Protein backbone atom coordinates (compact mmCIF):
# COMPACT_ATOMS: atom_id res chain seq x y z
CA MET A 1 -17.79 6.72 -94.55
CA PRO A 2 -19.94 9.68 -95.59
CA LEU A 3 -18.98 12.97 -94.00
CA LEU A 4 -22.31 13.50 -92.27
CA ARG A 5 -22.14 10.05 -90.68
CA ARG A 6 -18.58 10.67 -89.45
CA LEU A 7 -19.66 13.98 -87.92
CA ALA A 8 -22.61 12.32 -86.18
CA LEU A 9 -20.40 9.62 -84.63
CA LEU A 10 -17.88 12.23 -83.53
CA SER A 11 -20.66 14.21 -81.89
CA LEU A 12 -21.92 11.15 -79.99
CA PHE A 13 -18.38 10.29 -78.85
CA SER A 14 -17.79 13.84 -77.65
CA THR A 15 -21.09 13.83 -75.76
CA ALA A 16 -20.13 10.54 -74.08
CA LEU A 17 -16.79 11.96 -72.99
CA LEU A 18 -18.49 15.09 -71.68
CA THR A 19 -21.01 12.98 -69.76
CA ILE A 20 -18.27 10.83 -68.25
CA GLY A 21 -16.23 13.86 -67.33
CA CYS A 22 -19.17 15.51 -65.55
CA ALA A 23 -20.55 12.46 -63.76
CA PRO A 24 -21.52 13.31 -60.14
CA ARG A 25 -18.95 12.36 -57.50
CA THR A 26 -19.91 9.23 -55.59
CA ASP A 27 -17.63 9.97 -52.59
CA ALA A 28 -19.51 13.10 -51.46
CA PRO A 29 -20.66 12.86 -47.82
CA PRO A 30 -24.36 12.08 -47.41
CA ALA A 31 -26.63 14.77 -46.09
CA THR A 32 -27.10 14.62 -42.33
CA SER A 33 -30.23 15.69 -40.51
CA GLY A 34 -30.53 16.82 -36.93
CA THR A 35 -32.25 19.06 -34.43
CA ALA A 36 -31.09 22.55 -33.51
CA PHE A 37 -31.49 23.63 -29.88
CA GLU A 38 -31.26 27.39 -30.02
CA ASN A 39 -31.17 30.30 -27.57
CA GLY A 40 -30.10 28.20 -24.61
CA LEU A 41 -27.71 28.82 -21.74
CA TRP A 42 -25.53 25.72 -21.38
CA PHE A 43 -23.70 24.41 -18.32
CA ASP A 44 -19.95 24.21 -18.91
CA GLY A 45 -18.99 22.93 -15.45
CA GLU A 46 -18.67 26.34 -13.85
CA GLY A 47 -21.52 28.42 -15.21
CA PHE A 48 -23.98 28.78 -18.08
CA VAL A 49 -22.95 30.14 -21.46
CA PRO A 50 -25.18 31.09 -24.42
CA GLY A 51 -25.12 29.10 -27.61
CA THR A 52 -26.72 26.62 -29.98
CA TRP A 53 -26.16 22.88 -29.88
CA TYR A 54 -27.29 20.28 -32.37
CA ALA A 55 -28.39 16.68 -31.91
CA VAL A 56 -27.42 14.30 -34.71
CA ASP A 57 -28.00 10.56 -34.35
CA GLY A 58 -28.51 11.00 -30.62
CA ARG A 59 -25.22 12.86 -30.07
CA LEU A 60 -24.41 16.47 -29.32
CA THR A 61 -22.40 18.55 -31.76
CA ARG A 62 -21.52 22.20 -32.22
CA THR A 63 -21.43 21.69 -36.00
CA ALA A 64 -24.69 22.37 -37.78
CA PRO A 65 -25.92 19.39 -39.82
CA SER A 66 -26.57 19.85 -43.51
CA VAL A 67 -30.29 19.42 -42.92
CA ILE A 68 -32.01 20.80 -39.82
CA GLY A 69 -35.18 18.81 -39.39
CA GLN A 70 -36.38 20.65 -36.30
CA ARG A 71 -35.56 23.81 -34.41
CA VAL A 72 -36.28 24.06 -30.69
CA ASP A 73 -36.19 27.52 -29.15
CA LEU A 74 -35.02 27.15 -25.54
CA GLN A 75 -35.94 30.80 -24.86
CA GLY A 76 -33.04 31.45 -22.52
CA GLY A 77 -33.55 28.29 -20.48
CA HIS A 78 -30.63 26.79 -18.55
CA ALA A 79 -29.55 23.48 -20.11
CA LEU A 80 -27.52 20.88 -18.25
CA PRO A 81 -27.05 17.09 -18.26
CA PRO A 82 -29.80 14.97 -16.65
CA PHE A 83 -29.84 14.21 -12.93
CA ALA A 84 -28.78 10.89 -11.44
CA GLU A 85 -29.66 8.89 -8.31
CA ALA A 86 -26.83 6.69 -7.02
CA HIS A 87 -28.61 5.03 -4.08
CA ASN A 88 -32.24 4.07 -3.88
CA HIS A 89 -34.56 1.07 -3.65
CA ASN A 90 -37.83 2.44 -4.97
CA LEU A 91 -37.45 1.00 -8.50
CA GLN A 92 -36.14 -2.29 -7.10
CA ASN A 93 -39.25 -4.35 -7.83
CA ALA A 94 -42.38 -4.11 -9.95
CA TRP A 95 -44.49 -2.66 -7.14
CA GLY A 96 -41.94 0.08 -6.54
CA VAL A 97 -41.81 0.92 -10.23
CA GLY A 98 -45.56 1.49 -10.12
CA GLN A 99 -45.15 3.85 -7.18
CA ALA A 100 -42.01 5.78 -8.11
CA HIS A 101 -41.37 5.63 -11.86
CA ALA A 102 -43.33 8.79 -12.67
CA ARG A 103 -41.42 10.66 -9.96
CA TYR A 104 -38.09 9.96 -11.70
CA ARG A 105 -39.41 11.35 -14.97
CA GLU A 106 -40.88 14.38 -13.22
CA HIS A 107 -37.63 15.12 -11.39
CA GLY A 108 -35.45 14.76 -14.49
CA VAL A 109 -33.54 11.76 -13.12
CA MET A 110 -32.42 9.68 -16.11
CA TYR A 111 -29.82 7.43 -14.43
CA ALA A 112 -30.26 5.44 -11.22
CA ALA A 113 -28.90 2.57 -9.13
CA MET A 114 -31.12 0.28 -7.06
CA LEU A 115 -28.90 -1.15 -4.35
CA CYS A 116 -30.40 -4.42 -3.17
CA GLY A 117 -32.98 -7.02 -4.13
CA ASN A 118 -32.54 -10.28 -6.01
CA GLY A 119 -32.57 -11.51 -9.57
CA GLU A 120 -36.31 -12.15 -9.64
CA SER A 121 -37.27 -8.71 -8.34
CA ALA A 122 -34.81 -7.00 -10.70
CA GLN A 123 -36.22 -8.80 -13.72
CA ALA A 124 -39.78 -7.90 -12.69
CA ALA A 125 -38.70 -4.26 -12.30
CA ARG A 126 -37.11 -4.22 -15.75
CA GLU A 127 -40.30 -5.56 -17.28
CA ALA A 128 -42.42 -3.04 -15.39
CA LEU A 129 -40.18 -0.18 -16.53
CA GLY A 130 -40.75 -1.21 -20.13
CA PRO A 131 -38.66 -0.78 -23.27
CA ASP A 132 -38.48 3.03 -23.04
CA PRO A 133 -38.47 3.84 -19.32
CA GLY A 134 -36.88 7.27 -19.53
CA VAL A 135 -34.46 6.27 -16.76
CA ASP A 136 -31.53 3.87 -17.14
CA VAL A 137 -31.36 1.67 -14.04
CA LEU A 138 -28.58 -0.48 -12.59
CA PHE A 139 -29.66 -3.31 -10.28
CA ALA A 140 -27.53 -4.67 -7.42
CA SER A 141 -29.49 -7.91 -7.60
CA ALA A 142 -26.68 -9.70 -5.77
CA CYS A 143 -27.07 -8.19 -2.29
CA ILE A 144 -24.71 -9.88 0.18
CA SER A 145 -24.72 -9.85 3.98
CA SER A 146 -24.33 -12.22 6.93
CA SER A 147 -26.87 -14.73 8.21
CA ASP A 148 -27.68 -12.28 11.05
CA GLY A 149 -27.22 -9.16 8.96
CA HIS A 150 -29.15 -6.33 7.37
CA PRO A 151 -31.61 -6.55 5.60
CA LEU A 152 -32.78 -9.69 7.43
CA ARG A 153 -34.91 -7.90 10.01
CA MET A 154 -36.49 -5.69 7.41
CA ALA A 155 -37.08 -8.55 4.96
CA ARG A 156 -38.69 -10.77 7.60
CA THR A 157 -41.26 -8.18 8.64
CA GLN A 158 -44.58 -8.81 6.90
CA PRO A 159 -47.31 -6.20 6.27
CA ASP A 160 -49.43 -7.70 9.07
CA GLY A 161 -46.54 -7.45 11.55
CA THR A 162 -45.69 -11.15 11.60
CA LEU A 163 -42.18 -12.41 10.86
CA ALA A 164 -41.37 -14.63 7.89
CA PRO A 165 -39.16 -17.65 8.67
CA VAL A 166 -35.45 -16.90 8.38
CA GLU A 167 -35.04 -19.74 5.89
CA ASP A 168 -37.44 -17.96 3.53
CA ILE A 169 -35.13 -14.93 3.48
CA HIS A 170 -31.63 -16.43 3.39
CA ASP A 171 -30.23 -16.84 -0.13
CA THR A 172 -33.54 -15.55 -1.48
CA SER A 173 -34.07 -11.93 -0.48
CA TYR A 174 -30.31 -11.59 -0.08
CA ILE A 175 -27.27 -13.85 -0.32
CA VAL A 176 -25.65 -15.04 2.91
CA MET A 177 -21.86 -15.20 3.21
CA ASP A 178 -20.59 -15.79 6.74
CA THR A 179 -17.08 -17.08 5.97
CA VAL A 180 -14.41 -16.64 3.33
CA ALA A 181 -15.23 -20.14 2.09
CA ASP A 182 -18.80 -18.97 1.41
CA VAL A 183 -17.58 -16.63 -1.32
CA ALA A 184 -16.71 -19.51 -3.65
CA ARG A 185 -19.48 -21.78 -2.38
CA LYS A 186 -22.23 -19.20 -2.87
CA TRP A 187 -20.91 -17.63 -6.05
CA PRO A 188 -23.33 -19.55 -8.30
CA LEU A 189 -26.11 -17.59 -6.55
CA VAL A 190 -24.41 -14.34 -7.54
CA ARG A 191 -24.17 -15.44 -11.16
CA ALA A 192 -27.79 -16.59 -11.19
CA ALA A 193 -28.92 -13.13 -10.02
CA GLN A 194 -27.35 -11.54 -13.14
CA PRO A 195 -26.43 -8.37 -11.25
CA ASP A 196 -25.32 -5.08 -12.74
CA LEU A 197 -23.64 -4.42 -9.38
CA VAL A 198 -22.81 -6.40 -6.25
CA LYS A 199 -23.85 -4.86 -2.93
CA ALA A 200 -21.80 -5.80 0.17
CA ILE A 201 -23.15 -4.82 3.58
CA LEU A 202 -20.89 -3.82 6.50
CA VAL A 203 -22.43 -2.69 9.78
CA HIS A 204 -20.00 -1.91 12.61
CA GLY A 205 -17.81 -4.84 11.66
CA GLU A 206 -15.34 -3.75 14.34
CA ARG A 207 -17.87 -4.82 17.00
CA PRO A 208 -17.91 -8.65 16.94
CA GLU A 209 -19.84 -8.63 20.22
CA HIS A 210 -22.86 -7.53 18.21
CA ARG A 211 -23.11 -11.10 16.89
CA ASP A 212 -24.17 -12.30 20.33
CA ASN A 213 -26.58 -9.45 20.99
CA PRO A 214 -30.22 -10.41 20.24
CA ASP A 215 -31.06 -6.72 19.75
CA MET A 216 -28.63 -6.63 16.82
CA HIS A 217 -29.86 -9.79 15.12
CA GLY A 218 -30.89 -8.96 11.60
CA ILE A 219 -29.04 -5.64 11.39
CA ASN A 220 -25.39 -6.77 11.41
CA GLY A 221 -23.31 -7.22 8.26
CA LEU A 222 -20.45 -9.15 6.73
CA ALA A 223 -17.46 -10.17 8.80
CA PRO A 224 -14.66 -7.82 7.70
CA GLU A 225 -12.42 -10.66 6.48
CA VAL A 226 -15.04 -11.75 3.94
CA LEU A 227 -15.09 -8.49 1.97
CA ALA A 228 -11.70 -8.52 0.21
CA PRO A 229 -12.12 -12.07 -1.22
CA LEU A 230 -15.64 -11.11 -2.31
CA VAL A 231 -14.39 -8.00 -4.10
CA ARG A 232 -11.58 -9.94 -5.81
CA ARG A 233 -14.03 -12.55 -7.05
CA ALA A 234 -16.46 -9.94 -8.31
CA HIS A 235 -13.75 -7.98 -10.08
CA SER A 236 -12.45 -11.14 -11.73
CA GLU A 237 -15.85 -11.48 -13.38
CA GLY A 238 -16.16 -7.82 -14.36
CA LEU A 239 -18.59 -6.88 -11.58
CA ARG A 240 -18.35 -3.70 -9.52
CA VAL A 241 -18.94 -3.74 -5.77
CA VAL A 242 -20.79 -1.12 -3.72
CA ALA A 243 -20.26 -1.22 0.04
CA HIS A 244 -22.80 -0.22 2.68
CA THR A 245 -20.73 1.20 5.55
CA GLU A 246 -21.90 2.43 8.96
CA SER A 247 -18.69 3.19 10.85
CA ALA A 248 -15.24 4.59 10.18
CA ALA A 249 -13.88 1.05 10.61
CA ASP A 250 -16.31 -0.22 7.96
CA PHE A 251 -15.14 2.54 5.63
CA ARG A 252 -11.52 1.51 6.19
CA THR A 253 -12.37 -2.16 5.52
CA ALA A 254 -14.16 -1.24 2.30
CA VAL A 255 -11.38 1.00 0.98
CA GLU A 256 -8.67 -1.54 1.80
CA ALA A 257 -10.72 -4.20 -0.01
CA ALA A 258 -10.82 -1.92 -3.09
CA VAL A 259 -14.59 -1.67 -3.49
CA ASP A 260 -15.75 0.52 -6.35
CA TRP A 261 -17.83 2.92 -4.35
CA ILE A 262 -19.13 3.55 -0.85
CA GLY A 263 -22.92 3.51 -0.57
CA HIS A 264 -23.21 5.44 2.72
CA LEU A 265 -20.93 7.99 4.33
CA PRO A 266 -20.59 6.84 7.96
CA GLY A 267 -22.07 9.15 10.54
CA TYR A 268 -25.56 9.97 9.32
CA ARG A 269 -26.51 8.73 12.79
CA ILE A 270 -24.55 8.04 15.95
CA TRP A 271 -25.62 4.76 17.49
CA ASP A 272 -26.35 4.49 21.19
CA GLY A 273 -23.20 3.80 23.17
CA MET A 274 -20.96 5.27 20.47
CA ASP A 275 -19.59 8.72 19.74
CA GLU A 276 -18.07 10.80 16.97
CA ALA A 277 -14.77 8.90 17.14
CA ASP A 278 -16.54 5.79 15.82
CA TYR A 279 -17.56 7.67 12.66
CA ARG A 280 -14.77 10.13 11.96
CA LEU A 281 -12.86 8.86 8.92
CA ASP A 282 -9.11 8.52 9.38
CA ASP A 283 -6.85 10.44 7.02
CA ALA A 284 -5.09 7.31 5.72
CA SER A 285 -8.38 5.77 4.61
CA ILE A 286 -9.41 8.98 2.90
CA ALA A 287 -6.06 9.17 1.08
CA LEU A 288 -6.38 5.54 -0.05
CA ALA A 289 -9.91 6.14 -1.29
CA ALA A 290 -8.65 9.07 -3.36
CA GLU A 291 -5.71 7.05 -4.70
CA ARG A 292 -7.97 4.17 -5.73
CA GLY A 293 -10.67 6.38 -7.23
CA ILE A 294 -13.33 5.14 -4.82
CA ALA A 295 -16.34 7.45 -4.90
CA VAL A 296 -18.55 8.12 -1.88
CA VAL A 297 -22.33 8.37 -2.08
CA ALA A 298 -23.01 10.29 1.11
CA THR A 299 -26.79 9.77 1.56
CA ALA A 300 -26.23 12.48 4.18
CA ASN A 301 -29.88 13.57 4.22
CA LEU A 302 -30.73 10.42 6.21
CA ALA A 303 -29.51 12.33 9.26
CA GLU A 304 -32.78 14.26 9.32
CA GLY A 305 -34.90 11.13 9.65
CA ALA A 306 -32.50 9.53 12.11
CA ALA A 307 -32.63 12.59 14.39
CA ARG A 308 -36.43 12.22 14.74
CA GLY A 309 -36.90 15.94 15.27
CA ASN A 310 -34.15 16.25 17.89
CA ALA A 311 -32.37 19.46 16.86
CA ALA A 312 -29.38 18.88 19.15
CA LYS A 313 -28.85 15.37 17.81
CA LEU A 314 -29.07 16.62 14.21
CA ALA A 315 -26.60 19.44 14.86
CA ARG A 316 -24.14 16.97 16.35
CA VAL A 317 -24.38 14.69 13.32
CA GLN A 318 -24.14 17.56 10.85
CA ALA A 319 -20.91 18.77 12.44
CA LEU A 320 -19.51 15.27 11.93
CA GLN A 321 -20.77 15.14 8.33
CA LYS A 322 -19.19 18.50 7.50
CA ASP A 323 -15.85 17.36 8.89
CA ASN A 324 -15.82 14.05 6.99
CA LEU A 325 -17.10 15.53 3.74
CA SER A 326 -14.70 18.47 3.80
CA ARG A 327 -11.70 16.20 4.25
CA LEU A 328 -12.90 13.81 1.53
CA ILE A 329 -13.38 16.69 -0.90
CA ASP A 330 -10.02 18.26 -0.03
CA ALA A 331 -8.36 14.89 -0.76
CA GLY A 332 -10.01 14.68 -4.18
CA VAL A 333 -12.50 11.91 -3.43
CA VAL A 334 -15.51 12.06 -5.75
CA ILE A 335 -18.78 12.73 -3.94
CA ALA A 336 -21.79 11.32 -5.75
CA ILE A 337 -25.45 12.05 -5.10
CA GLY A 338 -27.88 9.47 -3.76
CA SER A 339 -30.82 9.80 -1.41
CA ASP A 340 -31.69 6.28 -0.17
CA ARG A 341 -35.17 7.72 0.29
CA TYR A 342 -38.02 5.52 -0.84
CA ASP A 343 -40.33 8.54 -1.06
CA ALA A 344 -37.91 10.73 -3.01
CA THR A 345 -35.05 10.99 -5.48
CA SER A 346 -31.56 12.46 -5.38
CA LEU A 347 -32.97 15.99 -5.38
CA VAL A 348 -33.49 15.77 -1.60
CA GLU A 349 -29.84 14.85 -1.13
CA PHE A 350 -28.78 17.70 -3.42
CA ASP A 351 -30.80 20.13 -1.29
CA TYR A 352 -29.39 18.72 1.95
CA LEU A 353 -25.77 18.94 0.80
CA ARG A 354 -26.38 22.46 -0.40
CA GLY A 355 -27.59 23.30 3.08
CA LEU A 356 -24.45 21.83 4.65
CA GLY A 357 -22.35 24.24 2.58
CA VAL A 358 -19.38 21.90 2.16
CA MET A 359 -19.23 22.32 -1.64
CA SER A 360 -19.50 25.31 -3.94
CA ASP A 361 -22.73 25.51 -5.90
CA ALA A 362 -20.89 24.67 -9.13
CA ALA A 363 -19.11 21.69 -7.55
CA LEU A 364 -22.37 20.38 -6.14
CA LEU A 365 -24.06 20.72 -9.53
CA ARG A 366 -21.16 18.84 -11.16
CA ALA A 367 -21.61 16.09 -8.58
CA MET A 368 -25.27 15.77 -9.57
CA VAL A 369 -25.04 15.97 -13.36
CA GLU A 370 -21.49 14.83 -14.14
CA HIS A 371 -19.86 12.71 -11.44
CA THR A 372 -22.91 10.66 -10.48
CA PRO A 373 -23.99 9.67 -14.01
CA ARG A 374 -20.42 8.76 -14.92
CA LEU A 375 -20.04 6.74 -11.73
CA LEU A 376 -23.08 4.68 -12.68
CA PHE A 377 -22.26 4.32 -16.38
CA PRO A 378 -18.49 4.83 -16.78
CA ASP A 379 -18.37 3.46 -20.33
CA ARG A 380 -20.88 5.97 -21.71
CA ARG A 381 -20.29 9.53 -22.84
CA ILE A 382 -22.74 11.21 -20.47
CA GLY A 383 -22.64 13.91 -17.83
CA ARG A 384 -21.37 16.78 -19.98
CA ILE A 385 -22.56 19.16 -22.65
CA ALA A 386 -19.80 18.38 -25.13
CA ASP A 387 -19.21 17.21 -28.69
CA GLY A 388 -19.87 13.51 -29.12
CA TYR A 389 -21.73 13.12 -25.83
CA GLU A 390 -25.21 11.67 -25.64
CA ALA A 391 -27.81 14.29 -26.52
CA SER A 392 -29.76 13.97 -23.28
CA PHE A 393 -30.25 17.04 -21.14
CA LEU A 394 -32.70 19.11 -19.12
CA VAL A 395 -33.72 22.72 -19.64
CA LEU A 396 -34.51 24.55 -16.41
CA ASP A 397 -36.55 27.67 -15.88
CA GLY A 398 -33.87 29.50 -13.92
CA ASN A 399 -30.23 29.28 -12.96
CA PRO A 400 -29.70 26.51 -10.37
CA LEU A 401 -26.46 28.14 -9.22
CA THR A 402 -28.39 31.11 -7.90
CA ASP A 403 -31.94 29.81 -7.59
CA ALA A 404 -32.28 26.65 -5.49
CA ASP A 405 -35.83 26.01 -6.69
CA ALA A 406 -34.79 25.96 -10.36
CA MET A 407 -33.78 22.29 -10.09
CA ARG A 408 -37.49 21.45 -9.88
CA ARG A 409 -38.66 23.80 -12.63
CA ILE A 410 -37.97 21.73 -15.73
CA ARG A 411 -39.12 23.21 -19.04
CA HIS A 412 -37.89 20.44 -21.32
CA ARG A 413 -36.55 16.92 -20.96
CA VAL A 414 -34.45 15.86 -23.95
CA ARG A 415 -33.38 12.24 -24.37
CA ASP A 416 -31.19 11.05 -27.23
CA GLY A 417 -31.90 14.25 -29.09
CA HIS A 418 -35.69 14.08 -28.76
CA VAL A 419 -37.86 16.31 -26.60
CA VAL A 420 -39.70 13.70 -24.56
CA ASP A 421 -41.61 15.93 -22.21
CA GLN A 422 -42.65 19.55 -22.44
CA PRO A 423 -44.74 20.28 -19.36
CA SER A 424 -46.96 23.32 -19.62
């Protein structure tokens, strides 16, 4: 082979080897893009600390992505997880969504539980909320009480003041279970409602004489012996149970039945013919609630409406509330925030509890932004500013630990890493 040809082949071979040797690595990590949230003060559970956080694929991280697609200057705003509402009814049906949905967005409430209704109303509410509602809602579309129990009286009352027939309400507006046997017999109705939660209603179950009192018809609740079988059946099918309780005895029944959370702290009102002893929680029940991890949604602000402007009555109830709440907190029971106010959100409960002074400001803020969201959605990484958690948070114009009004001054609402609302 001529020398020049051999040299040419050798040159091509050497070039091929060089090309192979310098081929780009195929195992290099792909570039990641995210948003930088800069110059913020971030809630760490006790206070607010300066720093920058990044949102990548809807998750928070301290590590800067290789590509920063957007920078958001928080200008010293106070960032914390979104608010939550653990007890309401104002997004329970399509009409309510039309009335209250905007209020949830305005107030920064991104997680909520609607604690009654039926399968039809829950489905209509979901459709009215739409595919991107800005608030994640749980529906207790299996709401269970007795044939003479709450919410019968409320559900029968029509806008014109007439009363709907009882048979139009039973097993329609709510599910009736009067006996232990009804739990199995009526369970197909629970399944058909496709509930996120089951709501069980107890109203002074220690007073069986209320069954024979016409004045109590429609505002009673489940017989105490029905609750434990109901809870066992629900748990066997992966459903959590929220208990409405009015009295200390109801609270004891609910805790012994191992419900998942209490929907009302007893004692927001003292019924006629009863006194504080009927509502003061016993220490054994509190200890069992703590042991079983049963949270309490106090809805304590309802005391103001129940007092009807009677300052002495309100003071009496607030003394009872402080006693019960202090002992629950000392025992380690989680207090979650819910208002049960059709015209409001959990912010009114936050304000009321702050006024009672039973929790430190930091503990109360944790209840609002950490404990309540995680109670509602325990399988999600929400309620904290931390690596790997969902990149949803609020930015307030002021420090809510020192400025009570700051909770309502929201600069930015961030959901899944995107600024969804920047009010002027």
